[in-house]
Amino acid sequence: MSSTVVPSGGSRRKAARAATEVLAPWVWVLGLPLALAWQVTGHRFAAAVLWGLVVGVTGSLIPMAVIVRGAKRGRWDGHHVTNRAGRLVPFTVCFASLATGFLVLSFGGAPRELIALTATELACLAVALAATFGLRFKISIHAEVAAGATMMLIWVYGPWLLLLVPFVAWVAWSRVELGDHTAREVVSGAFAGAVVGGAVYFGLLALLS
């Protein structure tokens, strides 16, 4: 009786697909503000959920709903929008939705860390827009969001969250393995998320303190 052996290429593909889906930008953008809010509100559940969901809904769920709907209608090539030209509408929707969340936080008396987080996400999105349509360079949003989120979590929770770095590397590798990005595109995305995201977040915290 013969046994079937899964080829290494198939296993790599499955691992890459898992990383791309489980560590997708919308997952980070939904989870990060809740984790951040839990810490900065002094572990007050209601306040953490309220402020965290303002960012999560406007920065993740609303844009993702538009992206999935557009993908089903064939407006772009799937919910990860891997074709550069198809990114304009999703980026615009995300920017407008997140900007609305920023206004709600600013005028609603949200913790300064959540306001800084939302402004940082807007800045990272602006960088992605500039790279995608100004430089015509398909920067990896997966890598950018994962790296930026990791930087902020390390800042808030401490250096033990350097344990997240391998997950950033995993999702960056997955985008290349699946053929959705080049190594240059994922490295650029990770650099933008870690450096631009980190600098904006830390700078705004200093200004708002």
N, C-alpha and C. Protein backbone atom coordinates (compact mmCIF):
# COMPACT_ATOMS: atom_id res chain seq x y z
N MET A 1 0.85 -1.19 0.00
CA MET A 1 0.00 0.00 0.00
C MET A 1 0.89 1.24 0.00
N SER A 2 0.71 2.09 -0.99
CA SER A 2 1.56 3.28 -1.11
C SER A 2 0.99 4.43 -0.30
N SER A 3 1.89 5.27 0.15
CA SER A 3 1.48 6.46 0.90
C SER A 3 1.80 7.69 0.10
N THR A 4 0.97 8.69 0.25
CA THR A 4 1.16 9.93 -0.48
C THR A 4 1.99 10.90 0.34
N VAL A 5 3.03 11.40 -0.25
CA VAL A 5 3.90 12.34 0.41
C VAL A 5 3.66 13.73 -0.18
N VAL A 6 3.35 14.67 0.69
CA VAL A 6 3.13 16.03 0.21
C VAL A 6 4.46 16.64 -0.18
N PRO A 7 4.62 17.09 -1.42
CA PRO A 7 5.89 17.67 -1.84
C PRO A 7 6.21 18.92 -1.04
N SER A 8 7.52 19.18 -0.90
CA SER A 8 7.94 20.34 -0.12
C SER A 8 7.38 21.63 -0.69
N GLY A 9 7.27 21.68 -2.02
CA GLY A 9 6.71 22.88 -2.65
C GLY A 9 5.28 23.12 -2.22
N GLY A 10 4.50 22.02 -2.09
CA GLY A 10 3.12 22.14 -1.66
C GLY A 10 3.02 22.60 -0.22
N SER A 11 3.91 22.08 0.62
CA SER A 11 3.93 22.48 2.02
C SER A 11 4.30 23.95 2.17
N ARG A 12 5.28 24.39 1.39
CA ARG A 12 5.68 25.80 1.42
C ARG A 12 4.53 26.69 0.99
N ARG A 13 3.82 26.26 -0.02
CA ARG A 13 2.68 27.04 -0.52
C ARG A 13 1.60 27.16 0.55
N LYS A 14 1.32 26.07 1.25
CA LYS A 14 0.31 26.10 2.30
C LYS A 14 0.73 27.01 3.45
N ALA A 15 2.01 26.95 3.82
CA ALA A 15 2.52 27.81 4.89
C ALA A 15 2.45 29.28 4.48
N ALA A 16 2.75 29.54 3.21
CA ALA A 16 2.69 30.91 2.72
C ALA A 16 1.26 31.43 2.68
N ARG A 17 0.35 30.59 2.23
CA ARG A 17 -1.06 30.99 2.18
C ARG A 17 -1.60 31.24 3.58
N ALA A 18 -1.21 30.40 4.54
CA ALA A 18 -1.65 30.58 5.92
C ALA A 18 -1.18 31.92 6.48
N ALA A 19 0.09 32.24 6.24
CA ALA A 19 0.63 33.52 6.74
C ALA A 19 -0.08 34.70 6.10
N THR A 20 -0.30 34.62 4.81
CA THR A 20 -0.95 35.72 4.09
C THR A 20 -2.36 35.99 4.60
N GLU A 21 -3.07 34.93 4.97
CA GLU A 21 -4.45 35.11 5.45
C GLU A 21 -4.51 35.44 6.94
N VAL A 22 -3.78 34.67 7.76
CA VAL A 22 -3.84 34.85 9.21
C VAL A 22 -3.20 36.17 9.65
N LEU A 23 -2.16 36.59 8.94
CA LEU A 23 -1.44 37.82 9.28
C LEU A 23 -1.70 38.91 8.24
N ALA A 24 -2.89 38.90 7.68
CA ALA A 24 -3.27 39.91 6.69
C ALA A 24 -3.38 41.28 7.36
N PRO A 25 -3.23 42.37 6.58
CA PRO A 25 -3.31 43.71 7.17
C PRO A 25 -4.55 43.97 8.00
N TRP A 26 -5.71 43.49 7.52
CA TRP A 26 -6.94 43.78 8.25
C TRP A 26 -6.93 43.15 9.65
N VAL A 27 -6.23 42.02 9.80
CA VAL A 27 -6.15 41.35 11.10
C VAL A 27 -5.31 42.20 12.08
N TRP A 28 -4.16 42.67 11.60
CA TRP A 28 -3.31 43.53 12.44
C TRP A 28 -4.04 44.81 12.81
N VAL A 29 -4.69 45.43 11.82
CA VAL A 29 -5.33 46.73 12.05
C VAL A 29 -6.54 46.61 12.96
N LEU A 30 -7.15 45.44 13.01
CA LEU A 30 -8.26 45.22 13.93
C LEU A 30 -7.75 44.90 15.33
N GLY A 31 -6.73 44.07 15.42
CA GLY A 31 -6.24 43.64 16.73
C GLY A 31 -5.35 44.65 17.44
N LEU A 32 -4.51 45.36 16.68
CA LEU A 32 -3.57 46.30 17.29
C LEU A 32 -4.23 47.36 18.15
N PRO A 33 -5.24 48.08 17.66
CA PRO A 33 -5.84 49.12 18.51
C PRO A 33 -6.51 48.58 19.76
N LEU A 34 -7.06 47.37 19.69
CA LEU A 34 -7.66 46.77 20.89
C LEU A 34 -6.57 46.44 21.92
N ALA A 35 -5.46 45.89 21.44
CA ALA A 35 -4.35 45.58 22.35
C ALA A 35 -3.76 46.85 22.94
N LEU A 36 -3.64 47.86 22.11
CA LEU A 36 -3.09 49.14 22.57
C LEU A 36 -4.04 49.80 23.57
N ALA A 37 -5.32 49.80 23.25
CA ALA A 37 -6.31 50.43 24.11
C ALA A 37 -6.40 49.73 25.47
N TRP A 38 -6.26 48.42 25.47
CA TRP A 38 -6.32 47.66 26.73
C TRP A 38 -5.22 48.13 27.68
N GLN A 39 -4.04 48.38 27.14
CA GLN A 39 -2.91 48.80 27.97
C GLN A 39 -3.04 50.25 28.42
N VAL A 40 -3.36 51.14 27.49
CA VAL A 40 -3.32 52.58 27.80
C VAL A 40 -4.54 53.05 28.59
N THR A 41 -5.61 52.25 28.61
CA THR A 41 -6.77 52.62 29.42
C THR A 41 -6.71 52.02 30.82
N GLY A 42 -5.58 51.42 31.15
CA GLY A 42 -5.46 50.80 32.47
C GLY A 42 -6.29 49.55 32.62
N HIS A 43 -6.44 48.81 31.51
CA HIS A 43 -7.17 47.53 31.50
C HIS A 43 -8.66 47.72 31.83
N ARG A 44 -9.19 48.87 31.44
CA ARG A 44 -10.64 49.09 31.61
C ARG A 44 -11.34 48.56 30.36
N PHE A 45 -12.10 47.49 30.54
CA PHE A 45 -12.64 46.75 29.40
C PHE A 45 -13.50 47.62 28.48
N ALA A 46 -14.46 48.32 29.05
CA ALA A 46 -15.39 49.10 28.23
C ALA A 46 -14.66 50.17 27.43
N ALA A 47 -13.75 50.90 28.09
CA ALA A 47 -13.01 51.96 27.40
C ALA A 47 -12.11 51.38 26.32
N ALA A 48 -11.47 50.25 26.63
CA ALA A 48 -10.57 49.63 25.65
C ALA A 48 -11.33 49.17 24.41
N VAL A 49 -12.47 48.55 24.63
CA VAL A 49 -13.27 48.07 23.49
C VAL A 49 -13.81 49.25 22.68
N LEU A 50 -14.29 50.28 23.37
CA LEU A 50 -14.85 51.45 22.68
C LEU A 50 -13.82 52.09 21.77
N TRP A 51 -12.69 52.50 22.33
CA TRP A 51 -11.69 53.22 21.53
C TRP A 51 -10.98 52.29 20.56
N GLY A 52 -10.75 51.06 20.98
CA GLY A 52 -10.11 50.13 20.07
C GLY A 52 -10.95 49.83 18.84
N LEU A 53 -12.26 49.71 19.04
CA LEU A 53 -13.13 49.40 17.91
C LEU A 53 -13.33 50.60 16.98
N VAL A 54 -13.21 51.81 17.50
CA VAL A 54 -13.30 52.98 16.61
C VAL A 54 -12.21 52.87 15.54
N VAL A 55 -10.99 52.55 15.99
CA VAL A 55 -9.89 52.40 15.04
C VAL A 55 -10.05 51.13 14.22
N GLY A 56 -10.40 50.03 14.87
CA GLY A 56 -10.51 48.77 14.18
C GLY A 56 -11.60 48.75 13.12
N VAL A 57 -12.74 49.34 13.43
CA VAL A 57 -13.85 49.35 12.47
C VAL A 57 -13.55 50.28 11.30
N THR A 58 -13.06 51.48 11.59
CA THR A 58 -12.81 52.44 10.50
C THR A 58 -11.55 52.11 9.71
N GLY A 59 -10.58 51.49 10.36
CA GLY A 59 -9.33 51.20 9.66
C GLY A 59 -9.27 49.81 9.06
N SER A 60 -10.13 48.90 9.54
CA SER A 60 -10.06 47.51 9.08
C SER A 60 -11.38 46.99 8.51
N LEU A 61 -12.43 46.97 9.33
CA LEU A 61 -13.66 46.29 8.91
C LEU A 61 -14.37 46.98 7.76
N ILE A 62 -14.49 48.30 7.82
CA ILE A 62 -15.17 49.01 6.72
C ILE A 62 -14.39 48.89 5.42
N PRO A 63 -13.07 49.20 5.40
CA PRO A 63 -12.33 49.01 4.16
C PRO A 63 -12.36 47.57 3.65
N MET A 64 -12.28 46.60 4.57
CA MET A 64 -12.27 45.21 4.14
C MET A 64 -13.60 44.81 3.52
N ALA A 65 -14.71 45.34 4.06
CA ALA A 65 -16.02 45.06 3.49
C ALA A 65 -16.10 45.57 2.05
N VAL A 66 -15.56 46.77 1.82
CA VAL A 66 -15.54 47.35 0.47
C VAL A 66 -14.66 46.52 -0.45
N ILE A 67 -13.50 46.10 0.05
CA ILE A 67 -12.56 45.32 -0.77
C ILE A 67 -13.16 43.97 -1.16
N VAL A 68 -13.76 43.28 -0.21
CA VAL A 68 -14.36 41.97 -0.50
C VAL A 68 -15.51 42.12 -1.49
N ARG A 69 -16.32 43.14 -1.29
CA ARG A 69 -17.44 43.38 -2.21
C ARG A 69 -16.93 43.66 -3.63
N GLY A 70 -15.89 44.48 -3.73
CA GLY A 70 -15.32 44.79 -5.04
C GLY A 70 -14.70 43.57 -5.69
N ALA A 71 -14.06 42.71 -4.87
CA ALA A 71 -13.45 41.49 -5.41
C ALA A 71 -14.52 40.56 -5.97
N LYS A 72 -15.64 40.44 -5.26
CA LYS A 72 -16.72 39.58 -5.74
C LYS A 72 -17.32 40.09 -7.05
N ARG A 73 -17.26 41.39 -7.23
CA ARG A 73 -17.78 41.98 -8.47
C ARG A 73 -16.74 42.05 -9.58
N GLY A 74 -15.54 41.56 -9.28
CA GLY A 74 -14.50 41.53 -10.29
C GLY A 74 -13.80 42.86 -10.53
N ARG A 75 -13.91 43.78 -9.58
CA ARG A 75 -13.29 45.10 -9.78
C ARG A 75 -11.78 45.05 -9.55
N TRP A 76 -11.32 44.08 -8.76
CA TRP A 76 -9.89 43.83 -8.59
C TRP A 76 -9.67 42.35 -8.35
N ASP A 77 -8.43 41.93 -8.33
CA ASP A 77 -8.13 40.50 -8.38
C ASP A 77 -8.05 39.83 -7.01
N GLY A 78 -9.13 39.88 -6.27
CA GLY A 78 -9.17 39.21 -4.98
C GLY A 78 -9.08 40.18 -3.81
N HIS A 79 -9.26 39.64 -2.60
CA HIS A 79 -9.35 40.50 -1.43
C HIS A 79 -8.00 41.02 -0.95
N HIS A 80 -6.90 40.57 -1.57
CA HIS A 80 -5.60 41.14 -1.24
C HIS A 80 -5.18 42.21 -2.25
N VAL A 81 -5.96 42.38 -3.31
CA VAL A 81 -5.74 43.41 -4.35
C VAL A 81 -4.26 43.44 -4.75
N THR A 82 -3.81 42.36 -5.36
CA THR A 82 -2.39 42.27 -5.72
C THR A 82 -2.02 43.06 -6.98
N ASN A 83 -3.01 43.41 -7.81
CA ASN A 83 -2.69 44.23 -8.98
C ASN A 83 -2.60 45.70 -8.57
N ARG A 84 -1.50 46.33 -8.93
CA ARG A 84 -1.22 47.70 -8.49
C ARG A 84 -2.31 48.68 -8.90
N ALA A 85 -2.77 48.58 -10.15
CA ALA A 85 -3.76 49.53 -10.64
C ALA A 85 -5.08 49.45 -9.89
N GLY A 86 -5.40 48.28 -9.36
CA GLY A 86 -6.67 48.11 -8.66
C GLY A 86 -6.69 48.65 -7.25
N ARG A 87 -5.56 49.18 -6.76
CA ARG A 87 -5.47 49.60 -5.37
C ARG A 87 -6.02 51.00 -5.08
N LEU A 88 -6.28 51.78 -6.10
CA LEU A 88 -6.67 53.17 -5.87
C LEU A 88 -7.95 53.29 -5.05
N VAL A 89 -9.01 52.59 -5.46
CA VAL A 89 -10.29 52.69 -4.74
C VAL A 89 -10.17 52.15 -3.31
N PRO A 90 -9.61 50.95 -3.11
CA PRO A 90 -9.46 50.46 -1.72
C PRO A 90 -8.63 51.40 -0.85
N PHE A 91 -7.53 51.94 -1.38
CA PHE A 91 -6.71 52.86 -0.61
C PHE A 91 -7.49 54.12 -0.25
N THR A 92 -8.24 54.63 -1.21
CA THR A 92 -9.01 55.86 -0.98
C THR A 92 -10.09 55.64 0.08
N VAL A 93 -10.78 54.51 -0.04
CA VAL A 93 -11.82 54.18 0.94
C VAL A 93 -11.21 54.03 2.33
N CYS A 94 -10.09 53.34 2.40
CA CYS A 94 -9.43 53.13 3.68
C CYS A 94 -8.99 54.45 4.30
N PHE A 95 -8.44 55.32 3.48
CA PHE A 95 -7.96 56.61 3.99
C PHE A 95 -9.14 57.45 4.51
N ALA A 96 -10.23 57.50 3.74
CA ALA A 96 -11.39 58.28 4.15
C ALA A 96 -12.04 57.72 5.41
N SER A 97 -12.15 56.41 5.48
CA SER A 97 -12.76 55.78 6.64
C SER A 97 -11.90 55.99 7.89
N LEU A 98 -10.60 55.79 7.75
CA LEU A 98 -9.69 55.95 8.89
C LEU A 98 -9.61 57.41 9.34
N ALA A 99 -9.69 58.32 8.38
CA ALA A 99 -9.69 59.75 8.72
C ALA A 99 -10.92 60.10 9.55
N THR A 100 -12.04 59.47 9.23
CA THR A 100 -13.25 59.66 10.02
C THR A 100 -13.05 59.16 11.45
N GLY A 101 -12.40 58.00 11.56
CA GLY A 101 -12.09 57.48 12.89
C GLY A 101 -11.17 58.41 13.67
N PHE A 102 -10.22 59.00 12.97
CA PHE A 102 -9.30 59.94 13.61
C PHE A 102 -10.06 61.14 14.18
N LEU A 103 -11.03 61.65 13.45
CA LEU A 103 -11.82 62.78 13.92
C LEU A 103 -12.66 62.39 15.14
N VAL A 104 -13.23 61.19 15.10
CA VAL A 104 -14.02 60.72 16.24
C VAL A 104 -13.15 60.63 17.48
N LEU A 105 -11.97 60.08 17.34
CA LEU A 105 -11.05 59.95 18.47
C LEU A 105 -10.61 61.32 18.98
N SER A 106 -10.28 62.22 18.06
CA SER A 106 -9.76 63.53 18.44
C SER A 106 -10.79 64.36 19.19
N PHE A 107 -12.03 64.34 18.72
CA PHE A 107 -13.07 65.15 19.35
C PHE A 107 -13.81 64.39 20.47
N GLY A 108 -13.56 63.09 20.56
CA GLY A 108 -14.27 62.29 21.56
C GLY A 108 -13.50 62.09 22.85
N GLY A 109 -12.30 62.66 22.92
CA GLY A 109 -11.51 62.54 24.14
C GLY A 109 -10.83 61.20 24.31
N ALA A 110 -10.43 60.58 23.21
CA ALA A 110 -9.75 59.29 23.26
C ALA A 110 -8.34 59.44 23.83
N PRO A 111 -7.76 58.38 24.36
CA PRO A 111 -6.37 58.42 24.82
C PRO A 111 -5.44 58.86 23.69
N ARG A 112 -4.42 59.61 24.04
CA ARG A 112 -3.52 60.15 23.02
C ARG A 112 -2.83 59.05 22.23
N GLU A 113 -2.61 57.89 22.85
CA GLU A 113 -1.96 56.79 22.14
C GLU A 113 -2.81 56.29 20.97
N LEU A 114 -4.14 56.30 21.15
CA LEU A 114 -5.02 55.85 20.07
C LEU A 114 -5.09 56.89 18.96
N ILE A 115 -5.05 58.16 19.33
CA ILE A 115 -5.02 59.22 18.32
C ILE A 115 -3.73 59.14 17.53
N ALA A 116 -2.61 58.94 18.24
CA ALA A 116 -1.31 58.82 17.57
C ALA A 116 -1.28 57.59 16.67
N LEU A 117 -1.86 56.49 17.12
CA LEU A 117 -1.91 55.27 16.33
C LEU A 117 -2.66 55.50 15.02
N THR A 118 -3.81 56.15 15.10
CA THR A 118 -4.61 56.38 13.90
C THR A 118 -3.89 57.31 12.93
N ALA A 119 -3.26 58.35 13.45
CA ALA A 119 -2.48 59.25 12.60
C ALA A 119 -1.32 58.50 11.95
N THR A 120 -0.72 57.60 12.68
CA THR A 120 0.38 56.80 12.14
C THR A 120 -0.10 55.90 11.01
N GLU A 121 -1.25 55.28 11.20
CA GLU A 121 -1.80 54.43 10.15
C GLU A 121 -2.11 55.25 8.90
N LEU A 122 -2.60 56.47 9.08
CA LEU A 122 -2.85 57.35 7.94
C LEU A 122 -1.54 57.70 7.23
N ALA A 123 -0.48 57.95 8.01
CA ALA A 123 0.82 58.29 7.43
C ALA A 123 1.37 57.10 6.63
N CYS A 124 1.26 55.91 7.19
CA CYS A 124 1.74 54.71 6.48
C CYS A 124 0.94 54.47 5.20
N LEU A 125 -0.35 54.73 5.27
CA LEU A 125 -1.19 54.59 4.08
C LEU A 125 -0.81 55.61 3.02
N ALA A 126 -0.48 56.83 3.46
CA ALA A 126 -0.04 57.86 2.51
C ALA A 126 1.26 57.46 1.82
N VAL A 127 2.16 56.84 2.58
CA VAL A 127 3.42 56.35 1.99
C VAL A 127 3.12 55.28 0.95
N ALA A 128 2.21 54.37 1.28
CA ALA A 128 1.84 53.31 0.34
C ALA A 128 1.21 53.89 -0.92
N LEU A 129 0.36 54.89 -0.76
CA LEU A 129 -0.25 55.56 -1.91
C LEU A 129 0.80 56.21 -2.79
N ALA A 130 1.73 56.92 -2.17
CA ALA A 130 2.78 57.60 -2.92
C ALA A 130 3.65 56.60 -3.68
N ALA A 131 4.00 55.50 -3.01
CA ALA A 131 4.84 54.49 -3.66
C ALA A 131 4.10 53.80 -4.80
N THR A 132 2.83 53.49 -4.57
CA THR A 132 2.06 52.73 -5.55
C THR A 132 1.73 53.54 -6.79
N PHE A 133 1.31 54.79 -6.61
CA PHE A 133 0.85 55.57 -7.75
C PHE A 133 1.80 56.69 -8.15
N GLY A 134 2.66 57.11 -7.23
CA GLY A 134 3.65 58.12 -7.58
C GLY A 134 4.89 57.49 -8.18
N LEU A 135 5.42 56.49 -7.48
CA LEU A 135 6.63 55.80 -7.95
C LEU A 135 6.31 54.56 -8.79
N ARG A 136 5.03 54.20 -8.86
CA ARG A 136 4.59 53.00 -9.59
C ARG A 136 5.32 51.76 -9.07
N PHE A 137 5.37 51.67 -7.75
CA PHE A 137 6.08 50.59 -7.07
C PHE A 137 5.09 49.89 -6.14
N LYS A 138 4.89 48.59 -6.33
CA LYS A 138 3.85 47.87 -5.58
C LYS A 138 4.37 47.43 -4.21
N ILE A 139 4.49 48.40 -3.31
CA ILE A 139 4.97 48.12 -1.97
C ILE A 139 4.05 47.11 -1.27
N SER A 140 4.62 46.25 -0.45
CA SER A 140 3.83 45.23 0.24
C SER A 140 3.13 45.81 1.46
N ILE A 141 1.81 45.86 1.41
CA ILE A 141 1.03 46.35 2.54
C ILE A 141 1.07 45.33 3.68
N HIS A 142 1.11 44.04 3.34
CA HIS A 142 1.22 43.02 4.37
C HIS A 142 2.46 43.26 5.24
N ALA A 143 3.60 43.47 4.59
CA ALA A 143 4.85 43.67 5.33
C ALA A 143 4.85 45.01 6.06
N GLU A 144 4.32 46.03 5.43
CA GLU A 144 4.30 47.36 6.05
C GLU A 144 3.47 47.36 7.34
N VAL A 145 2.28 46.80 7.27
CA VAL A 145 1.39 46.80 8.43
C VAL A 145 1.95 45.90 9.54
N ALA A 146 2.45 44.73 9.17
CA ALA A 146 2.99 43.81 10.18
C ALA A 146 4.18 44.43 10.92
N ALA A 147 5.08 45.05 10.18
CA ALA A 147 6.26 45.66 10.81
C ALA A 147 5.89 46.86 11.67
N GLY A 148 5.00 47.71 11.15
CA GLY A 148 4.58 48.88 11.92
C GLY A 148 3.84 48.50 13.20
N ALA A 149 2.94 47.52 13.08
CA ALA A 149 2.19 47.08 14.26
C ALA A 149 3.12 46.49 15.31
N THR A 150 4.09 45.73 14.87
CA THR A 150 5.04 45.12 15.81
C THR A 150 5.85 46.19 16.54
N MET A 151 6.27 47.22 15.82
CA MET A 151 7.02 48.31 16.46
C MET A 151 6.19 48.96 17.57
N MET A 152 4.93 49.22 17.30
CA MET A 152 4.08 49.88 18.29
C MET A 152 3.77 48.99 19.49
N LEU A 153 3.58 47.71 19.23
CA LEU A 153 3.32 46.78 20.33
C LEU A 153 4.54 46.63 21.23
N ILE A 154 5.73 46.63 20.63
CA ILE A 154 6.96 46.58 21.43
C ILE A 154 7.07 47.82 22.31
N TRP A 155 6.72 48.97 21.75
CA TRP A 155 6.79 50.22 22.49
C TRP A 155 5.84 50.20 23.70
N VAL A 156 4.64 49.68 23.49
CA VAL A 156 3.62 49.71 24.53
C VAL A 156 3.80 48.59 25.56
N TYR A 157 4.12 47.37 25.09
CA TYR A 157 4.17 46.22 25.99
C TYR A 157 5.57 45.81 26.43
N GLY A 158 6.57 46.32 25.74
CA GLY A 158 7.93 45.99 26.14
C GLY A 158 8.67 45.10 25.15
N PRO A 159 9.98 44.94 25.35
CA PRO A 159 10.83 44.22 24.40
C PRO A 159 10.52 42.74 24.25
N TRP A 160 9.77 42.16 25.17
CA TRP A 160 9.44 40.74 25.03
C TRP A 160 8.63 40.48 23.77
N LEU A 161 7.98 41.54 23.25
CA LEU A 161 7.21 41.36 22.02
C LEU A 161 8.08 41.39 20.76
N LEU A 162 9.38 41.43 20.95
CA LEU A 162 10.28 41.13 19.83
C LEU A 162 10.02 39.72 19.31
N LEU A 163 9.33 38.93 20.11
CA LEU A 163 8.93 37.59 19.68
C LEU A 163 8.03 37.63 18.44
N LEU A 164 7.46 38.80 18.15
CA LEU A 164 6.61 38.93 16.97
C LEU A 164 7.41 39.08 15.68
N VAL A 165 8.69 39.41 15.79
CA VAL A 165 9.50 39.66 14.60
C VAL A 165 9.50 38.47 13.63
N PRO A 166 9.63 37.21 14.12
CA PRO A 166 9.56 36.09 13.17
C PRO A 166 8.25 36.02 12.40
N PHE A 167 7.17 36.50 13.00
CA PHE A 167 5.89 36.51 12.29
C PHE A 167 5.88 37.56 11.18
N VAL A 168 6.57 38.67 11.42
CA VAL A 168 6.73 39.68 10.37
C VAL A 168 7.52 39.07 9.21
N ALA A 169 8.59 38.37 9.54
CA ALA A 169 9.40 37.72 8.51
C ALA A 169 8.59 36.66 7.76
N TRP A 170 7.74 35.94 8.50
CA TRP A 170 6.92 34.89 7.88
C TRP A 170 5.95 35.47 6.85
N VAL A 171 5.27 36.53 7.24
CA VAL A 171 4.30 37.10 6.30
C VAL A 171 5.02 37.76 5.12
N ALA A 172 6.19 38.35 5.36
CA ALA A 172 6.96 38.94 4.26
C ALA A 172 7.40 37.84 3.28
N TRP A 173 7.90 36.75 3.84
CA TRP A 173 8.30 35.61 2.99
C TRP A 173 7.11 35.08 2.19
N SER A 174 5.96 35.03 2.82
CA SER A 174 4.78 34.45 2.17
C SER A 174 4.38 35.21 0.92
N ARG A 175 4.55 36.52 0.96
CA ARG A 175 4.14 37.33 -0.20
C ARG A 175 5.04 37.05 -1.41
N VAL A 176 6.33 36.80 -1.13
CA VAL A 176 7.26 36.45 -2.21
C VAL A 176 7.01 35.02 -2.68
N GLU A 177 6.81 34.12 -1.74
CA GLU A 177 6.57 32.71 -2.07
C GLU A 177 5.35 32.55 -2.95
N LEU A 178 4.31 33.34 -2.70
CA LEU A 178 3.08 33.23 -3.48
C LEU A 178 3.16 33.98 -4.82
N GLY A 179 4.25 34.70 -5.02
CA GLY A 179 4.42 35.42 -6.27
C GLY A 179 3.66 36.73 -6.34
N ASP A 180 3.16 37.20 -5.19
CA ASP A 180 2.40 38.44 -5.18
C ASP A 180 3.30 39.68 -5.07
N HIS A 181 4.52 39.48 -4.58
CA HIS A 181 5.48 40.57 -4.44
C HIS A 181 6.89 40.07 -4.68
N THR A 182 7.77 41.00 -4.98
CA THR A 182 9.19 40.68 -5.06
C THR A 182 9.81 40.89 -3.68
N ALA A 183 11.03 40.38 -3.51
CA ALA A 183 11.74 40.59 -2.24
C ALA A 183 11.92 42.08 -1.97
N ARG A 184 12.21 42.85 -3.00
CA ARG A 184 12.39 44.29 -2.84
C ARG A 184 11.12 44.96 -2.34
N GLU A 185 9.98 44.52 -2.83
CA GLU A 185 8.70 45.11 -2.42
C GLU A 185 8.37 44.81 -0.96
N VAL A 186 8.67 43.60 -0.49
CA VAL A 186 8.36 43.29 0.90
C VAL A 186 9.36 43.94 1.85
N VAL A 187 10.62 44.02 1.44
CA VAL A 187 11.62 44.70 2.29
C VAL A 187 11.27 46.18 2.40
N SER A 188 10.87 46.79 1.30
CA SER A 188 10.47 48.20 1.32
C SER A 188 9.26 48.41 2.21
N GLY A 189 8.30 47.48 2.15
CA GLY A 189 7.12 47.58 2.98
C GLY A 189 7.45 47.47 4.46
N ALA A 190 8.29 46.49 4.80
CA ALA A 190 8.68 46.32 6.20
C ALA A 190 9.45 47.53 6.70
N PHE A 191 10.33 48.07 5.86
CA PHE A 191 11.11 49.25 6.24
C PHE A 191 10.19 50.44 6.49
N ALA A 192 9.24 50.65 5.58
CA ALA A 192 8.31 51.77 5.72
C ALA A 192 7.48 51.63 6.99
N GLY A 193 6.99 50.43 7.26
CA GLY A 193 6.18 50.21 8.45
C GLY A 193 6.95 50.44 9.73
N ALA A 194 8.17 49.89 9.80
CA ALA A 194 8.96 49.98 11.02
C ALA A 194 9.53 51.38 11.25
N VAL A 195 10.06 51.98 10.18
CA VAL A 195 10.74 53.27 10.33
C VAL A 195 9.76 54.44 10.27
N VAL A 196 8.99 54.51 9.21
CA VAL A 196 8.03 55.62 9.09
C VAL A 196 6.97 55.50 10.17
N GLY A 197 6.39 54.30 10.31
CA GLY A 197 5.36 54.12 11.33
C GLY A 197 5.88 54.39 12.72
N GLY A 198 7.05 53.86 13.03
CA GLY A 198 7.62 54.08 14.35
C GLY A 198 7.92 55.53 14.62
N ALA A 199 8.52 56.21 13.65
CA ALA A 199 8.90 57.62 13.83
C ALA A 199 7.67 58.51 14.02
N VAL A 200 6.63 58.28 13.23
CA VAL A 200 5.42 59.10 13.34
C VAL A 200 4.74 58.85 14.69
N TYR A 201 4.64 57.59 15.07
CA TYR A 201 3.96 57.25 16.33
C TYR A 201 4.69 57.87 17.53
N PHE A 202 6.00 57.66 17.59
CA PHE A 202 6.77 58.18 18.73
C PHE A 202 6.78 59.70 18.73
N GLY A 203 6.88 60.30 17.53
CA GLY A 203 6.88 61.76 17.43
C GLY A 203 5.57 62.37 17.88
N LEU A 204 4.47 61.76 17.47
CA LEU A 204 3.16 62.28 17.86
C LEU A 204 2.90 62.12 19.36
N LEU A 205 3.37 61.01 19.92
CA LEU A 205 3.22 60.82 21.36
C LEU A 205 3.93 61.94 22.12
N ALA A 206 5.11 62.31 21.63
CA ALA A 206 5.87 63.38 22.28
C ALA A 206 5.13 64.72 22.16
N LEU A 207 4.53 64.97 20.99
CA LEU A 207 3.81 66.21 20.78
C LEU A 207 2.54 66.29 21.61
N LEU A 208 1.87 65.13 21.77
CA LEU A 208 0.59 65.10 22.47
C LEU A 208 0.73 65.01 24.00
N SER A 209 1.94 64.75 24.46
CA SER A 209 2.13 64.58 25.91
C SER A 209 2.15 65.92 26.64
